């Protein structure tokens, strides 16, 4: 007898919601049981396309669809209430990055899922890129010697229409700015490879686009093992360049993009590059499948909350650094809850 499929819903039926629906369609043991979007036409069209009931509120979806799990694909600053309500309904959650855009909202989500005993996972699929897995292995094995510097560059371009045509891109309360929406993947990869960050000094501003949130930011980092680092992030430069990470040690250097290794040298000699095989269906599908398997098997997902919040905690510390004009400890982020969180 075939096991009962896991009933999954999707909240947020725009681009990321469509990506999740396509991934779920290629995953065994899953039924797309419903979708929700605050725009009625978007919800209806999505439901018709993917053959599932549609709703205009996540509360109605949770009440009617008998879900086992839900994918949260709404704008950054709209995650908390959906996740908290899902936890109250006993529904496991896969949340698109970032978890949220304030420390208090992240705390609320994590606590609600922990207290309800439901799974909370975050989509950070670029950890599955072969070049990033190779970088983690090289740095972790000590092939570069003692790490002294690590940096990531996210130098992208977004036309003005990207912000003008959206109800939330560039907003302070739903987007949060370049660090959350564009650079978080790079920040997450930097700390995933180089290790935990202890303190941050950072600043950001809207230097090109007429938006509420920063389109450009620069951070200085101190890693817990003593190494230094930098984050450069913008949507205001041309031409757009691929995300690039560089790790400098006492014995060598490794520079990678998402698609290739640009430099790997130790003691003045180029080193062989042996990349893992790429995931056949791509990293995004692979992480969604991991979540489904984790829920089914009762095991932790690929990116649980303690991993998912490492990158956003760096951003929270950078924001507080910008307002205070001083270095801020990442471990103090738990004390940064604002009254309006």
Protein backbone atom coordinates (compact mmCIF):
# COMPACT_ATOMS: atom_id res chain seq x y z
CA UNK A 1 0.00 0.00 0.00
CA UNK A 2 1.28 3.46 -0.88
CA UNK A 3 1.98 5.67 2.10
CA UNK A 4 -0.28 8.67 2.55
CA UNK A 5 1.36 11.67 0.83
CA UNK A 6 2.46 14.68 2.84
CA UNK A 7 -0.03 17.47 2.27
CA UNK A 8 1.85 20.72 1.63
CA UNK A 9 0.48 24.21 1.17
CA UNK A 10 2.11 27.33 -0.28
CA UNK A 11 1.60 30.84 1.09
CA UNK A 12 2.72 33.49 -1.39
CA UNK A 13 1.93 32.67 -5.00
CA UNK A 14 4.36 34.95 -6.84
CA UNK A 15 7.74 33.90 -8.25
CA UNK A 16 9.11 31.90 -5.30
CA UNK A 17 5.76 30.25 -4.73
CA UNK A 18 5.80 29.05 -8.32
CA UNK A 19 9.31 27.68 -7.84
CA UNK A 20 8.19 25.75 -4.77
CA UNK A 21 5.16 24.36 -6.59
CA UNK A 22 7.34 23.11 -9.45
CA UNK A 23 9.76 21.51 -6.99
CA UNK A 24 6.96 19.82 -5.06
CA UNK A 25 5.54 18.45 -8.31
CA UNK A 26 8.88 16.68 -8.87
CA UNK A 27 9.02 15.27 -5.33
CA UNK A 28 7.65 11.84 -4.46
CA UNK A 29 5.23 11.46 -1.58
CA UNK A 30 3.87 15.00 -1.72
CA UNK A 31 0.48 16.50 -2.52
CA UNK A 32 0.07 20.23 -3.10
CA UNK A 33 -3.05 20.63 -1.01
CA UNK A 34 -3.70 24.37 -1.28
CA UNK A 35 -2.31 27.85 -1.79
CA UNK A 36 -2.92 31.31 -0.40
CA UNK A 37 -2.14 34.83 -1.54
CA UNK A 38 -3.58 38.15 -0.40
CA UNK A 39 -4.25 39.08 -4.05
CA UNK A 40 -7.34 37.11 -5.11
CA UNK A 41 -6.48 36.87 -8.80
CA UNK A 42 -2.96 35.68 -8.03
CA UNK A 43 -4.26 33.00 -5.68
CA UNK A 44 -6.97 31.86 -8.13
CA UNK A 45 -4.59 31.67 -11.10
CA UNK A 46 -2.00 29.77 -9.07
CA UNK A 47 -4.59 27.28 -7.88
CA UNK A 48 -5.87 26.68 -11.40
CA UNK A 49 -2.37 26.22 -12.76
CA UNK A 50 -1.30 23.76 -10.08
CA UNK A 51 -4.62 22.04 -9.48
CA UNK A 52 -5.16 22.95 -5.86
CA UNK A 53 -7.70 24.95 -3.82
CA UNK A 54 -6.86 28.64 -3.43
CA UNK A 55 -7.45 31.04 -0.57
CA UNK A 56 -6.90 34.73 0.06
CA UNK A 57 -5.64 34.26 3.61
CA UNK A 58 -3.23 31.80 5.16
CA UNK A 59 -5.63 31.39 8.09
CA UNK A 60 -8.32 29.98 5.79
CA UNK A 61 -5.78 27.70 4.11
CA UNK A 62 -4.65 26.34 7.48
CA UNK A 63 -8.22 25.86 8.68
CA UNK A 64 -9.55 24.08 5.59
CA UNK A 65 -6.75 22.17 3.86
CA UNK A 66 -5.59 19.69 6.55
CA UNK A 67 -1.94 20.51 5.86
CA UNK A 68 1.05 18.61 7.17
CA UNK A 69 3.51 21.28 6.03
CA UNK A 70 3.64 24.71 4.41
CA UNK A 71 6.10 26.64 2.26
CA UNK A 72 6.20 30.34 3.18
CA UNK A 73 7.08 32.36 0.07
CA UNK A 74 5.82 35.84 0.99
CA UNK A 75 7.90 39.05 1.23
CA UNK A 76 10.64 39.06 3.87
CA UNK A 77 8.77 41.06 6.49
CA UNK A 78 5.57 39.04 6.22
CA UNK A 79 6.91 35.72 7.49
CA UNK A 80 6.38 35.92 11.25
CA UNK A 81 2.59 35.84 11.49
CA UNK A 82 2.28 33.02 8.95
CA UNK A 83 4.90 30.88 10.69
CA UNK A 84 3.48 31.51 14.16
CA UNK A 85 -0.02 30.60 12.95
CA UNK A 86 1.30 27.48 11.22
CA UNK A 87 2.99 26.37 14.44
CA UNK A 88 -0.25 26.89 16.36
CA UNK A 89 -1.98 24.63 13.83
CA UNK A 90 0.71 21.94 14.14
CA UNK A 91 2.02 22.51 10.61
CA UNK A 92 5.72 22.07 9.75
CA UNK A 93 7.28 25.07 7.98
CA UNK A 94 9.78 25.65 5.18
CA UNK A 95 10.41 29.41 5.06
CA UNK A 96 12.13 31.25 2.24
CA UNK A 97 15.10 33.34 3.31
CA UNK A 98 15.46 35.44 5.36
CA UNK A 99 13.56 34.08 8.35
CA UNK A 100 12.51 37.69 9.08
CA UNK A 101 13.91 41.23 9.17
CA UNK A 102 14.00 42.03 12.91
CA UNK A 103 15.46 40.03 15.82
CA UNK A 104 12.17 39.95 17.68
CA UNK A 105 10.25 38.52 14.75
CA UNK A 106 12.84 35.79 14.29
CA UNK A 107 12.65 34.99 18.00
CA UNK A 108 8.86 34.74 17.80
CA UNK A 109 9.00 32.30 14.88
CA UNK A 110 11.65 30.08 16.40
CA UNK A 111 9.93 29.99 19.81
CA UNK A 112 6.50 29.25 18.33
CA UNK A 113 7.79 26.28 16.32
CA UNK A 114 9.91 24.98 19.19
CA UNK A 115 7.07 25.18 21.69
CA UNK A 116 4.63 23.51 19.27
CA UNK A 117 7.09 20.77 18.39
CA UNK A 118 6.96 21.49 14.65
CA UNK A 119 9.83 21.68 12.17
CA UNK A 120 11.10 25.07 11.03
CA UNK A 121 13.53 25.13 8.11
CA UNK A 122 14.89 27.98 5.99
CA UNK A 123 15.76 27.91 2.30
CA UNK A 124 19.50 28.55 1.89
CA UNK A 125 20.01 26.27 -1.08
CA UNK A 126 23.27 27.79 -2.27
CA UNK A 127 25.06 25.78 0.40
CA UNK A 128 24.52 22.89 -2.03
CA UNK A 129 26.47 24.52 -4.88
CA UNK A 130 29.51 22.32 -5.64
CA UNK A 131 31.90 25.31 -5.45
CA UNK A 132 30.63 26.26 -1.97
CA UNK A 133 30.85 22.70 -0.69
CA UNK A 134 34.39 22.55 -2.07
CA UNK A 135 35.29 25.82 -0.32
CA UNK A 136 33.94 24.55 3.01
CA UNK A 137 36.00 21.38 2.64
CA UNK A 138 39.22 23.22 1.72
CA UNK A 139 38.97 25.77 4.53
CA UNK A 140 37.81 23.17 7.03
CA UNK A 141 40.69 20.84 6.19
CA UNK A 142 43.20 23.62 6.85
CA UNK A 143 44.68 23.49 3.34
CA UNK A 144 44.96 27.29 3.31
CA UNK A 145 46.72 27.33 6.67
CA UNK A 146 45.31 29.55 9.38
CA UNK A 147 42.56 31.72 7.94
CA UNK A 148 43.39 35.41 8.20
CA UNK A 149 40.82 37.03 5.88
CA UNK A 150 37.52 36.14 4.20
CA UNK A 151 35.25 38.32 2.12
CA UNK A 152 32.16 38.17 -0.07
CA UNK A 153 31.17 40.53 -2.87
CA UNK A 154 27.56 40.80 -4.04
CA UNK A 155 27.75 43.52 -6.68
CA UNK A 156 24.50 43.36 -8.58
CA UNK A 157 22.30 45.69 -10.58
CA UNK A 158 18.58 46.20 -10.28
CA UNK A 159 16.81 48.55 -12.68
CA UNK A 160 14.57 51.18 -11.17
CA UNK A 161 11.59 49.18 -12.44
CA UNK A 162 12.50 46.36 -10.04
CA UNK A 163 11.53 48.67 -7.19
CA UNK A 164 8.93 50.84 -8.94
CA UNK A 165 6.88 47.86 -10.15
CA UNK A 166 6.78 46.11 -6.78
CA UNK A 167 4.63 46.78 -3.73
CA UNK A 168 7.38 45.63 -1.38
CA UNK A 169 10.84 45.72 -3.00
CA UNK A 170 12.87 48.44 -1.30
CA UNK A 171 10.43 48.97 1.55
CA UNK A 172 11.66 49.19 5.12
CA UNK A 173 8.95 46.96 6.61
CA UNK A 174 8.71 44.18 4.00
CA UNK A 175 12.06 44.12 2.18
CA UNK A 176 14.70 45.38 4.62
CA UNK A 177 17.25 46.20 1.94
CA UNK A 178 20.12 44.72 0.01
CA UNK A 179 21.59 42.73 2.90
CA UNK A 180 18.38 40.75 3.43
CA UNK A 181 17.10 40.37 -0.12
CA UNK A 182 20.24 40.11 -2.28
CA UNK A 183 23.27 39.56 -0.03
CA UNK A 184 22.02 37.12 2.59
CA UNK A 185 22.99 34.10 0.53
CA UNK A 186 26.55 35.43 0.28
CA UNK A 187 26.73 36.30 3.97
CA UNK A 188 25.42 32.87 4.88
CA UNK A 189 27.98 31.17 2.66
CA UNK A 190 30.81 33.29 4.06
CA UNK A 191 30.14 32.29 7.66
CA UNK A 192 29.28 28.70 6.67
CA UNK A 193 32.73 28.30 5.14
CA UNK A 194 34.88 30.60 7.31
CA UNK A 195 33.17 30.05 10.67
CA UNK A 196 31.08 32.00 13.13
CA UNK A 197 31.35 35.79 13.27
CA UNK A 198 31.90 37.40 16.68
CA UNK A 199 31.39 41.12 15.94
CA UNK A 200 30.44 43.46 13.13
CA UNK A 201 30.87 47.08 12.07
CA UNK A 202 28.72 48.14 9.15
CA UNK A 203 26.91 50.87 7.29
CA UNK A 204 24.40 51.10 4.47
CA UNK A 205 22.39 53.62 2.47
CA UNK A 206 20.20 54.06 -0.60
CA UNK A 207 22.80 55.48 -2.97
CA UNK A 208 21.07 55.05 -6.32
CA UNK A 209 17.45 53.98 -5.99
CA UNK A 210 14.72 56.09 -4.42
CA UNK A 211 13.74 53.51 -1.80
CA UNK A 212 13.32 53.31 1.97
CA UNK A 213 15.88 50.56 2.57
CA UNK A 214 19.61 50.50 1.72
CA UNK A 215 20.63 49.47 -1.77
CA UNK A 216 24.33 49.46 -0.80
CA UNK A 217 26.11 48.23 2.33
CA UNK A 218 29.63 47.51 3.57
CA UNK A 219 30.48 45.41 6.62
CA UNK A 220 33.69 44.64 8.47
CA UNK A 221 33.76 41.33 10.37
CA UNK A 222 35.78 39.71 13.11
CA UNK A 223 35.45 35.93 13.11
CA UNK A 224 35.51 33.97 16.34
CA UNK A 225 38.83 32.34 15.40
CA UNK A 226 40.40 35.80 14.99
CA UNK A 227 40.27 36.20 11.21
CA UNK A 228 38.97 39.42 9.67
CA UNK A 229 36.45 39.76 6.87
CA UNK A 230 34.37 42.04 4.71
CA UNK A 231 30.97 42.08 3.01
CA UNK A 232 30.31 44.31 -0.02
CA UNK A 233 26.71 44.41 -1.21
CA UNK A 234 24.85 46.59 -3.70
CA UNK A 235 22.12 46.65 -6.35
CA UNK A 236 23.40 49.95 -7.74
CA UNK A 237 26.44 49.03 -9.86
CA UNK A 238 27.02 47.93 -13.43
CA UNK A 239 27.72 45.41 -14.75
CA UNK A 240 26.16 42.82 -12.46
CA UNK A 241 28.79 40.36 -11.30
CA UNK A 242 28.42 36.86 -9.85
CA UNK A 243 28.63 36.42 -6.08
CA UNK A 244 32.32 35.96 -5.29
CA UNK A 245 33.94 34.71 -2.09
CA UNK A 246 37.64 34.72 -1.25
CA UNK A 247 39.41 33.00 1.62
CA UNK A 248 42.99 33.95 2.45
CA UNK A 249 45.12 31.85 4.77
CA UNK A 250 48.73 31.80 5.89
CA UNK A 251 49.49 29.14 3.27
CA UNK A 252 47.20 29.93 0.36
CA UNK A 253 44.10 31.49 -1.20
CA UNK A 254 40.83 30.18 -2.59
CA UNK A 255 38.46 32.35 -4.64
CA UNK A 256 35.15 30.95 -5.83
CA UNK A 257 31.97 32.07 -7.52
CA UNK A 258 28.75 30.11 -7.56
CA UNK A 259 29.76 28.44 -10.80
CA UNK A 260 33.53 28.00 -10.65
CA UNK A 261 36.84 28.15 -8.83
CA UNK A 262 38.78 31.22 -9.98
CA UNK A 263 41.90 30.73 -7.84
CA UNK A 264 43.21 27.93 -5.63
CA UNK A 265 46.85 28.27 -4.73
CA UNK A 266 48.86 26.93 -1.79
CA UNK A 267 52.50 27.82 -1.12
CA UNK A 268 52.82 29.41 -4.55
CA UNK A 269 51.50 26.42 -6.47
CA UNK A 270 48.13 26.00 -8.19
CA UNK A 271 46.09 23.20 -6.67
CA UNK A 272 43.83 20.62 -8.31
CA UNK A 273 40.11 21.28 -8.08
CA UNK A 274 37.81 18.33 -7.44
CA UNK A 275 34.26 19.62 -7.26
CA UNK A 276 31.36 17.48 -6.03
CA UNK A 277 28.82 16.54 -8.66
CA UNK A 278 26.00 19.08 -9.01
CA UNK A 279 22.54 18.09 -7.85
CA UNK A 280 20.69 16.68 -10.89
CA UNK A 281 17.58 18.80 -10.33
CA UNK A 282 19.32 21.84 -8.86
CA UNK A 283 19.93 22.93 -5.28
CA UNK A 284 16.54 24.59 -4.73
CA UNK A 285 14.64 21.41 -5.57
CA UNK A 286 17.15 19.40 -3.52
CA UNK A 287 16.53 21.46 -0.40
CA UNK A 288 12.75 21.28 -0.76
CA UNK A 289 13.06 17.51 -1.09
CA UNK A 290 15.28 17.45 2.00
CA UNK A 291 12.56 19.27 3.93
CA UNK A 292 9.90 16.78 2.82
CA UNK A 293 12.17 13.87 3.77
CA UNK A 294 12.98 15.47 7.14
CA UNK A 295 9.29 15.92 7.96
CA UNK A 296 8.51 12.37 6.85
CA UNK A 297 11.40 10.82 8.80
CA UNK A 298 11.19 13.06 11.84
CA UNK A 299 14.81 14.20 11.44
CA UNK A 300 16.30 17.73 11.43
CA UNK A 301 16.17 19.58 8.09
CA UNK A 302 19.21 20.75 6.16
CA UNK A 303 18.96 24.31 7.54
CA UNK A 304 17.33 24.37 11.00
CA UNK A 305 16.69 27.65 12.84
CA UNK A 306 20.07 27.85 14.58
CA UNK A 307 21.76 27.72 11.17
CA UNK A 308 19.22 29.92 9.42
CA UNK A 309 19.64 32.77 11.88
CA UNK A 310 23.44 33.02 11.71
CA UNK A 311 23.38 35.15 8.56
CA UNK A 312 20.52 37.39 9.68
CA UNK A 313 22.11 37.87 13.10
CA UNK A 314 25.17 39.30 11.32
CA UNK A 315 22.86 41.71 9.48
CA UNK A 316 21.04 42.69 12.69
CA UNK A 317 24.38 43.43 14.34
CA UNK A 318 25.42 45.50 11.30
CA UNK A 319 22.24 47.55 11.48
CA UNK A 320 22.79 48.27 15.15
CA UNK A 321 26.44 49.13 14.41
CA UNK A 322 25.32 51.65 11.79
CA UNK A 323 22.97 53.36 14.23
CA UNK A 324 25.51 53.40 17.07
CA UNK A 325 28.70 54.02 15.11
CA UNK A 326 30.55 51.19 16.86
CA UNK A 327 31.36 47.50 16.65
CA UNK A 328 28.48 45.26 17.79
CA UNK A 329 28.74 41.70 19.08
CA UNK A 330 26.70 39.18 17.12
CA UNK A 331 25.92 37.36 20.35
CA UNK A 332 24.16 40.51 21.62
CA UNK A 333 21.54 40.32 18.86
CA UNK A 334 19.19 38.56 21.28
CA UNK A 335 19.16 41.78 23.29
CA UNK A 336 18.23 43.92 20.29
CA UNK A 337 14.49 43.23 20.36
CA UNK A 338 12.73 46.50 19.62
CA UNK A 339 9.51 47.53 21.25
CA UNK A 340 7.63 47.32 17.94
CA UNK A 341 8.81 43.81 17.10
